[in-house]
Amino acid sequence: MIKAYVLVVTNPGATRAVYTALQKIKGVVECHQVMGPYDIVAEIKVEDLSDVPPILGEHIRTIAGVESTTSLVTFPG
C-alpha cells in the first residue's frame, strides 16, 4: 500500500468546493482544510506507486479552483 499527502493551494474563495470534490475521489482517504501556505491536505492510499500520477493529473489537478499541488509520497516501513 502506498500513501501520499497532497498539499493543495486553491484560488481565493474556492477552498470549500475543492475540499468537497476531493472527498469524492477514489483513493482519497482523508482531507483537511488547513491554515498556512496550503489550503487543503489530502491523504491518498493506493496499491502501487504508478497509481499516484493518474489521481493527481486526471482528478485532483482538474478540479475547478485548484491552483497548484505538492505531493509527498511516503516510504514504506
PDB file of N, CA and C in Angstrom:
ATOM      1  N   MET A   1       0.854  -1.182   0.000  1.00  0.00           N
ATOM      2  CA  MET A   1       0.000   0.000   0.000  1.00  0.00           C
ATOM      3  C   MET A   1       0.896   1.240   0.000  1.00  0.00           C
ATOM      4  N   ILE A   2       0.612   2.170  -0.883  1.00  0.00           N
ATOM      5  CA  ILE A   2       1.342   3.429  -0.988  1.00  0.00           C
ATOM      6  C   ILE A   2       0.477   4.542  -0.418  1.00  0.00           C
ATOM      7  N   LYS A   3       1.093   5.376   0.403  1.00  0.00           N
ATOM      8  CA  LYS A   3       0.389   6.524   0.977  1.00  0.00           C
ATOM      9  C   LYS A   3       1.087   7.796   0.510  1.00  0.00           C
ATOM     10  N   ALA A   4       0.297   8.801   0.166  1.00  0.00           N
ATOM     11  CA  ALA A   4       0.846  10.092  -0.228  1.00  0.00           C
ATOM     12  C   ALA A   4      -0.019  11.201   0.354  1.00  0.00           C
ATOM     13  N   TYR A   5       0.625  12.309   0.625  1.00  0.00           N
ATOM     14  CA  TYR A   5      -0.089  13.502   1.063  1.00  0.00           C
ATOM     15  C   TYR A   5      -0.018  14.512  -0.065  1.00  0.00           C
ATOM     16  N   VAL A   6      -1.143  15.126  -0.369  1.00  0.00           N
ATOM     17  CA  VAL A   6      -1.204  16.121  -1.428  1.00  0.00           C
ATOM     18  C   VAL A   6      -1.554  17.451  -0.778  1.00  0.00           C
ATOM     19  N   LEU A   7      -0.652  18.419  -0.929  1.00  0.00           N
ATOM     20  CA  LEU A   7      -0.844  19.756  -0.388  1.00  0.00           C
ATOM     21  C   LEU A   7      -1.421  20.608  -1.509  1.00  0.00           C
ATOM     22  N   VAL A   8      -2.577  21.179  -1.275  1.00  0.00           N
ATOM     23  CA  VAL A   8      -3.324  21.854  -2.332  1.00  0.00           C
ATOM     24  C   VAL A   8      -3.452  23.342  -2.035  1.00  0.00           C
ATOM     25  N   VAL A   9      -3.142  24.159  -3.027  1.00  0.00           N
ATOM     26  CA  VAL A   9      -3.398  25.596  -2.972  1.00  0.00           C
ATOM     27  C   VAL A   9      -4.598  25.855  -3.874  1.00  0.00           C
ATOM     28  N   THR A  10      -5.589  26.558  -3.337  1.00  0.00           N
ATOM     29  CA  THR A  10      -6.796  26.844  -4.116  1.00  0.00           C
ATOM     30  C   THR A  10      -6.868  28.322  -4.475  1.00  0.00           C
ATOM     31  N   ASN A  11      -7.667  28.622  -5.464  1.00  0.00           N
ATOM     32  CA  ASN A  11      -7.955  30.013  -5.789  1.00  0.00           C
ATOM     33  C   ASN A  11      -8.785  30.617  -4.662  1.00  0.00           C
ATOM     34  N   PRO A  12      -8.684  31.931  -4.447  1.00  0.00           N
ATOM     35  CA  PRO A  12      -9.468  32.559  -3.380  1.00  0.00           C
ATOM     36  C   PRO A  12     -10.957  32.238  -3.508  1.00  0.00           C
ATOM     37  N   GLY A  13     -11.549  31.819  -2.404  1.00  0.00           N
ATOM     38  CA  GLY A  13     -12.973  31.518  -2.374  1.00  0.00           C
ATOM     39  C   GLY A  13     -13.350  30.128  -2.850  1.00  0.00           C
ATOM     40  N   ALA A  14     -12.378  29.336  -3.292  1.00  0.00           N
ATOM     41  CA  ALA A  14     -12.692  28.019  -3.855  1.00  0.00           C
ATOM     42  C   ALA A  14     -12.398  26.860  -2.908  1.00  0.00           C
ATOM     43  N   THR A  15     -11.881  27.142  -1.733  1.00  0.00           N
ATOM     44  CA  THR A  15     -11.418  26.072  -0.847  1.00  0.00           C
ATOM     45  C   THR A  15     -12.519  25.081  -0.500  1.00  0.00           C
ATOM     46  N   ARG A  16     -13.680  25.547  -0.123  1.00  0.00           N
ATOM     47  CA  ARG A  16     -14.772  24.649   0.293  1.00  0.00           C
ATOM     48  C   ARG A  16     -15.190  23.737  -0.856  1.00  0.00           C
ATOM     49  N   ALA A  17     -15.336  24.280  -2.057  1.00  0.00           N
ATOM     50  CA  ALA A  17     -15.752  23.472  -3.211  1.00  0.00           C
ATOM     51  C   ALA A  17     -14.682  22.441  -3.575  1.00  0.00           C
ATOM     52  N   VAL A  18     -13.420  22.831  -3.516  1.00  0.00           N
ATOM     53  CA  VAL A  18     -12.331  21.892  -3.809  1.00  0.00           C
ATOM     54  C   VAL A  18     -12.301  20.792  -2.757  1.00  0.00           C
ATOM     55  N   TYR A  19     -12.445  21.158  -1.505  1.00  0.00           N
ATOM     56  CA  TYR A  19     -12.479  20.198  -0.397  1.00  0.00           C
ATOM     57  C   TYR A  19     -13.582  19.157  -0.617  1.00  0.00           C
ATOM     58  N   THR A  20     -14.763  19.612  -0.980  1.00  0.00           N
ATOM     59  CA  THR A  20     -15.894  18.711  -1.224  1.00  0.00           C
ATOM     60  C   THR A  20     -15.606  17.778  -2.399  1.00  0.00           C
ATOM     61  N   ALA A  21     -15.025  18.313  -3.466  1.00  0.00           N
ATOM     62  CA  ALA A  21     -14.707  17.497  -4.643  1.00  0.00           C
ATOM     63  C   ALA A  21     -13.625  16.461  -4.333  1.00  0.00           C
ATOM     64  N   LEU A  22     -12.641  16.840  -3.547  1.00  0.00           N
ATOM     65  CA  LEU A  22     -11.565  15.908  -3.189  1.00  0.00           C
ATOM     66  C   LEU A  22     -12.097  14.693  -2.443  1.00  0.00           C
ATOM     67  N   GLN A  23     -13.056  14.901  -1.572  1.00  0.00           N
ATOM     68  CA  GLN A  23     -13.603  13.814  -0.771  1.00  0.00           C
ATOM     69  C   GLN A  23     -14.301  12.750  -1.615  1.00  0.00           C
ATOM     70  N   LYS A  24     -14.656  13.076  -2.840  1.00  0.00           N
ATOM     71  CA  LYS A  24     -15.359  12.144  -3.718  1.00  0.00           C
ATOM     72  C   LYS A  24     -14.419  11.319  -4.599  1.00  0.00           C
ATOM     73  N   ILE A  25     -13.129  11.610  -4.557  1.00  0.00           N
ATOM     74  CA  ILE A  25     -12.167  10.932  -5.428  1.00  0.00           C
ATOM     75  C   ILE A  25     -11.749   9.600  -4.815  1.00  0.00           C
ATOM     76  N   LYS A  26     -11.824   8.553  -5.616  1.00  0.00           N
ATOM     77  CA  LYS A  26     -11.393   7.229  -5.159  1.00  0.00           C
ATOM     78  C   LYS A  26      -9.900   7.287  -4.845  1.00  0.00           C
ATOM     79  N   GLY A  27      -9.553   6.815  -3.675  1.00  0.00           N
ATOM     80  CA  GLY A  27      -8.163   6.839  -3.230  1.00  0.00           C
ATOM     81  C   GLY A  27      -7.888   7.906  -2.193  1.00  0.00           C
ATOM     82  N   VAL A  28      -8.719   8.948  -2.146  1.00  0.00           N
ATOM     83  CA  VAL A  28      -8.578   9.975  -1.112  1.00  0.00           C
ATOM     84  C   VAL A  28      -9.247   9.441   0.146  1.00  0.00           C
ATOM     85  N   VAL A  29      -8.449   9.243   1.198  1.00  0.00           N
ATOM     86  CA  VAL A  29      -8.982   8.647   2.425  1.00  0.00           C
ATOM     87  C   VAL A  29      -9.206   9.675   3.531  1.00  0.00           C
ATOM     88  N   GLU A  30      -8.512  10.804   3.460  1.00  0.00           N
ATOM     89  CA  GLU A  30      -8.719  11.893   4.412  1.00  0.00           C
ATOM     90  C   GLU A  30      -8.474  13.205   3.715  1.00  0.00           C
ATOM     91  N   CYS A  31      -9.120  14.236   4.217  1.00  0.00           N
ATOM     92  CA  CYS A  31      -8.995  15.555   3.619  1.00  0.00           C
ATOM     93  C   CYS A  31      -9.208  16.583   4.726  1.00  0.00           C
ATOM     94  N   HIS A  32      -8.310  17.573   4.803  1.00  0.00           N
ATOM     95  CA  HIS A  32      -8.412  18.585   5.853  1.00  0.00           C
ATOM     96  C   HIS A  32      -8.156  19.968   5.275  1.00  0.00           C
ATOM     97  N   GLN A  33      -8.968  20.935   5.664  1.00  0.00           N
ATOM     98  CA  GLN A  33      -8.685  22.327   5.356  1.00  0.00           C
ATOM     99  C   GLN A  33      -7.700  22.814   6.414  1.00  0.00           C
ATOM    100  N   VAL A  34      -6.651  23.520   5.992  1.00  0.00           N
ATOM    101  CA  VAL A  34      -5.596  23.938   6.899  1.00  0.00           C
ATOM    102  C   VAL A  34      -5.255  25.414   6.696  1.00  0.00           C
ATOM    103  N   MET A  35      -4.525  25.955   7.661  1.00  0.00           N
ATOM    104  CA  MET A  35      -4.030  27.328   7.561  1.00  0.00           C
ATOM    105  C   MET A  35      -2.551  27.275   7.210  1.00  0.00           C
ATOM    106  N   GLY A  36      -2.069  28.284   6.515  1.00  0.00           N
ATOM    107  CA  GLY A  36      -0.660  28.341   6.139  1.00  0.00           C
ATOM    108  C   GLY A  36      -0.523  28.507   4.637  1.00  0.00           C
ATOM    109  N   PRO A  37       0.613  28.078   4.077  1.00  0.00           N
ATOM    110  CA  PRO A  37       0.835  28.271   2.644  1.00  0.00           C
ATOM    111  C   PRO A  37      -0.039  27.378   1.768  1.00  0.00           C
ATOM    112  N   TYR A  38      -0.627  26.342   2.363  1.00  0.00           N
ATOM    113  CA  TYR A  38      -1.528  25.450   1.638  1.00  0.00           C
ATOM    114  C   TYR A  38      -2.922  25.587   2.225  1.00  0.00           C
ATOM    115  N   ASP A  39      -3.924  25.280   1.427  1.00  0.00           N
ATOM    116  CA  ASP A  39      -5.314  25.401   1.872  1.00  0.00           C
ATOM    117  C   ASP A  39      -5.923  24.068   2.284  1.00  0.00           C
ATOM    118  N   ILE A  40      -5.451  22.985   1.669  1.00  0.00           N
ATOM    119  CA  ILE A  40      -6.009  21.654   1.927  1.00  0.00           C
ATOM    120  C   ILE A  40      -4.869  20.636   1.945  1.00  0.00           C
ATOM    121  N   VAL A  41      -4.974  19.663   2.843  1.00  0.00           N
ATOM    122  CA  VAL A  41      -4.086  18.500   2.836  1.00  0.00           C
ATOM    123  C   VAL A  41      -4.968  17.277   2.618  1.00  0.00           C
ATOM    124  N   ALA A  42      -4.671  16.530   1.567  1.00  0.00           N
ATOM    125  CA  ALA A  42      -5.419  15.305   1.274  1.00  0.00           C
ATOM    126  C   ALA A  42      -4.476  14.117   1.401  1.00  0.00           C
ATOM    127  N   GLU A  43      -4.964  13.052   2.006  1.00  0.00           N
ATOM    128  CA  GLU A  43      -4.192  11.811   2.104  1.00  0.00           C
ATOM    129  C   GLU A  43      -4.772  10.822   1.107  1.00  0.00           C
ATOM    130  N   ILE A  44      -3.901  10.248   0.294  1.00  0.00           N
ATOM    131  CA  ILE A  44      -4.361   9.227  -0.639  1.00  0.00           C
ATOM    132  C   ILE A  44      -3.656   7.910  -0.331  1.00  0.00           C
ATOM    133  N   LYS A  45      -4.365   6.820  -0.548  1.00  0.00           N
ATOM    134  CA  LYS A  45      -3.801   5.479  -0.405  1.00  0.00           C
ATOM    135  C   LYS A  45      -4.132   4.701  -1.666  1.00  0.00           C
ATOM    136  N   VAL A  46      -3.100   4.108  -2.249  1.00  0.00           N
ATOM    137  CA  VAL A  46      -3.256   3.330  -3.475  1.00  0.00           C
ATOM    138  C   VAL A  46      -2.419   2.060  -3.370  1.00  0.00           C
ATOM    139  N   GLU A  47      -2.669   1.123  -4.253  1.00  0.00           N
ATOM    140  CA  GLU A  47      -1.950  -0.151  -4.234  1.00  0.00           C
ATOM    141  C   GLU A  47      -0.514  -0.022  -4.731  1.00  0.00           C
ATOM    142  N   ASP A  48      -0.286   0.830  -5.727  1.00  0.00           N
ATOM    143  CA  ASP A  48       1.012   0.893  -6.382  1.00  0.00           C
ATOM    144  C   ASP A  48       1.397   2.348  -6.639  1.00  0.00           C
ATOM    145  N   LEU A  49       2.693   2.620  -6.648  1.00  0.00           N
ATOM    146  CA  LEU A  49       3.173   3.974  -6.900  1.00  0.00           C
ATOM    147  C   LEU A  49       2.685   4.510  -8.243  1.00  0.00           C
ATOM    148  N   SER A  50       2.527   3.640  -9.223  1.00  0.00           N
ATOM    149  CA  SER A  50       2.061   4.073 -10.548  1.00  0.00           C
ATOM    150  C   SER A  50       0.610   4.553 -10.531  1.00  0.00           C
ATOM    151  N   ASP A  51      -0.115   4.311  -9.440  1.00  0.00           N
ATOM    152  CA  ASP A  51      -1.492   4.787  -9.317  1.00  0.00           C
ATOM    153  C   ASP A  51      -1.570   6.253  -8.891  1.00  0.00           C
ATOM    154  N   VAL A  52      -0.466   6.802  -8.388  1.00  0.00           N
ATOM    155  CA  VAL A  52      -0.479   8.179  -7.877  1.00  0.00           C
ATOM    156  C   VAL A  52      -0.620   9.217  -8.999  1.00  0.00           C
ATOM    157  N   PRO A  53       0.212   9.188 -10.060  1.00  0.00           N
ATOM    158  CA  PRO A  53       0.095  10.225 -11.096  1.00  0.00           C
ATOM    159  C   PRO A  53      -1.295  10.374 -11.722  1.00  0.00           C
ATOM    160  N   PRO A  54      -2.021   9.278 -12.019  1.00  0.00           N
ATOM    161  CA  PRO A  54      -3.365   9.473 -12.576  1.00  0.00           C
ATOM    162  C   PRO A  54      -4.328  10.172 -11.610  1.00  0.00           C
ATOM    163  N   ILE A  55      -4.224   9.862 -10.319  1.00  0.00           N
ATOM    164  CA  ILE A  55      -5.102  10.534  -9.356  1.00  0.00           C
ATOM    165  C   ILE A  55      -4.801  12.024  -9.346  1.00  0.00           C
ATOM    166  N   LEU A  56      -3.524  12.368  -9.389  1.00  0.00           N
ATOM    167  CA  LEU A  56      -3.144  13.783  -9.390  1.00  0.00           C
ATOM    168  C   LEU A  56      -3.544  14.472 -10.692  1.00  0.00           C
ATOM    169  N   GLY A  57      -3.098  13.915 -11.810  1.00  0.00           N
ATOM    170  CA  GLY A  57      -3.283  14.576 -13.095  1.00  0.00           C
ATOM    171  C   GLY A  57      -4.682  14.531 -13.662  1.00  0.00           C
ATOM    172  N   GLU A  58      -5.384  13.431 -13.447  1.00  0.00           N
ATOM    173  CA  GLU A  58      -6.708  13.274 -14.044  1.00  0.00           C
ATOM    174  C   GLU A  58      -7.843  13.667 -13.113  1.00  0.00           C
ATOM    175  N   HIS A  59      -7.568  13.734 -11.827  1.00  0.00           N
ATOM    176  CA  HIS A  59      -8.648  14.006 -10.878  1.00  0.00           C
ATOM    177  C   HIS A  59      -8.402  15.263 -10.042  1.00  0.00           C
ATOM    178  N   ILE A  60      -7.338  15.276  -9.253  1.00  0.00           N
ATOM    179  CA  ILE A  60      -7.130  16.390  -8.321  1.00  0.00           C
ATOM    180  C   ILE A  60      -6.825  17.691  -9.057  1.00  0.00           C
ATOM    181  N   ARG A  61      -5.880  17.668  -9.978  1.00  0.00           N
ATOM    182  CA  ARG A  61      -5.481  18.912 -10.657  1.00  0.00           C
ATOM    183  C   ARG A  61      -6.522  19.431 -11.640  1.00  0.00           C
ATOM    184  N   THR A  62      -7.512  18.631 -11.961  1.00  0.00           N
ATOM    185  CA  THR A  62      -8.557  19.090 -12.883  1.00  0.00           C
ATOM    186  C   THR A  62      -9.752  19.702 -12.160  1.00  0.00           C
ATOM    187  N   ILE A  63      -9.747  19.689 -10.831  1.00  0.00           N
ATOM    188  CA  ILE A  63     -10.848  20.289 -10.068  1.00  0.00           C
ATOM    189  C   ILE A  63     -10.800  21.804 -10.245  1.00  0.00           C
ATOM    190  N   ALA A  64     -11.934  22.392 -10.582  1.00  0.00           N
ATOM    191  CA  ALA A  64     -12.007  23.849 -10.713  1.00  0.00           C
ATOM    192  C   ALA A  64     -11.630  24.487  -9.387  1.00  0.00           C
ATOM    193  N   GLY A  65     -10.726  25.448  -9.435  1.00  0.00           N
ATOM    194  CA  GLY A  65     -10.306  26.143  -8.227  1.00  0.00           C
ATOM    195  C   GLY A  65      -8.975  25.677  -7.670  1.00  0.00           C
ATOM    196  N   VAL A  66      -8.433  24.569  -8.185  1.00  0.00           N
ATOM    197  CA  VAL A  66      -7.112  24.118  -7.745  1.00  0.00           C
ATOM    198  C   VAL A  66      -6.060  24.944  -8.477  1.00  0.00           C
ATOM    199  N   GLU A  67      -5.253  25.653  -7.707  1.00  0.00           N
ATOM    200  CA  GLU A  67      -4.198  26.484  -8.284  1.00  0.00           C
ATOM    201  C   GLU A  67      -2.903  25.691  -8.453  1.00  0.00           C
ATOM    202  N   SER A  68      -2.525  24.923  -7.418  1.00  0.00           N
ATOM    203  CA  SER A  68      -1.315  24.116  -7.502  1.00  0.00           C
ATOM    204  C   SER A  68      -1.358  22.999  -6.469  1.00  0.00           C
ATOM    205  N   THR A  69      -0.505  21.988  -6.682  1.00  0.00           N
ATOM    206  CA  THR A  69      -0.397  20.881  -5.729  1.00  0.00           C
ATOM    207  C   THR A  69       1.076  20.555  -5.500  1.00  0.00           C
ATOM    208  N   THR A  70       1.345  20.030  -4.324  1.00  0.00           N
ATOM    209  CA  THR A  70       2.651  19.477  -3.982  1.00  0.00           C
ATOM    210  C   THR A  70       2.388  18.099  -3.401  1.00  0.00           C
ATOM    211  N   SER A  71       3.102  17.096  -3.893  1.00  0.00           N
ATOM    212  CA  SER A  71       2.852  15.720  -3.455  1.00  0.00           C
ATOM    213  C   SER A  71       4.008  15.211  -2.610  1.00  0.00           C
ATOM    214  N   LEU A  72       3.662  14.526  -1.533  1.00  0.00           N
ATOM    215  CA  LEU A  72       4.645  13.915  -0.646  1.00  0.00           C
ATOM    216  C   LEU A  72       4.315  12.434  -0.545  1.00  0.00           C
ATOM    217  N   VAL A  73       5.102  11.599  -1.203  1.00  0.00           N
ATOM    218  CA  VAL A  73       4.871  10.157  -1.175  1.00  0.00           C
ATOM    219  C   VAL A  73       5.701   9.579  -0.033  1.00  0.00           C
ATOM    220  N   THR A  74       5.064   8.779   0.817  1.00  0.00           N
ATOM    221  CA  THR A  74       5.765   8.212   1.966  1.00  0.00           C
ATOM    222  C   THR A  74       6.517   6.944   1.576  1.00  0.00           C
ATOM    223  N   PHE A  75       7.543   6.636   2.356  1.00  0.00           N
ATOM    224  CA  PHE A  75       8.290   5.397   2.180  1.00  0.00           C
ATOM    225  C   PHE A  75       7.683   4.326   3.062  1.00  0.00           C
ATOM    226  N   PRO A  76       7.548   3.103   2.554  1.00  0.00           N
ATOM    227  CA  PRO A  76       7.020   2.032   3.396  1.00  0.00           C
ATOM    228  C   PRO A  76       7.984   1.724   4.541  1.00  0.00           C
ATOM    229  N   GLY A  77       7.407   1.279   5.646  1.00  0.00           N
ATOM    230  CA  GLY A  77       8.239   0.845   6.750  1.00  0.00           C
ATOM    231  C   GLY A  77       8.273   1.843   7.805  1.00  0.00           C
TER     232      GLY A  77
END
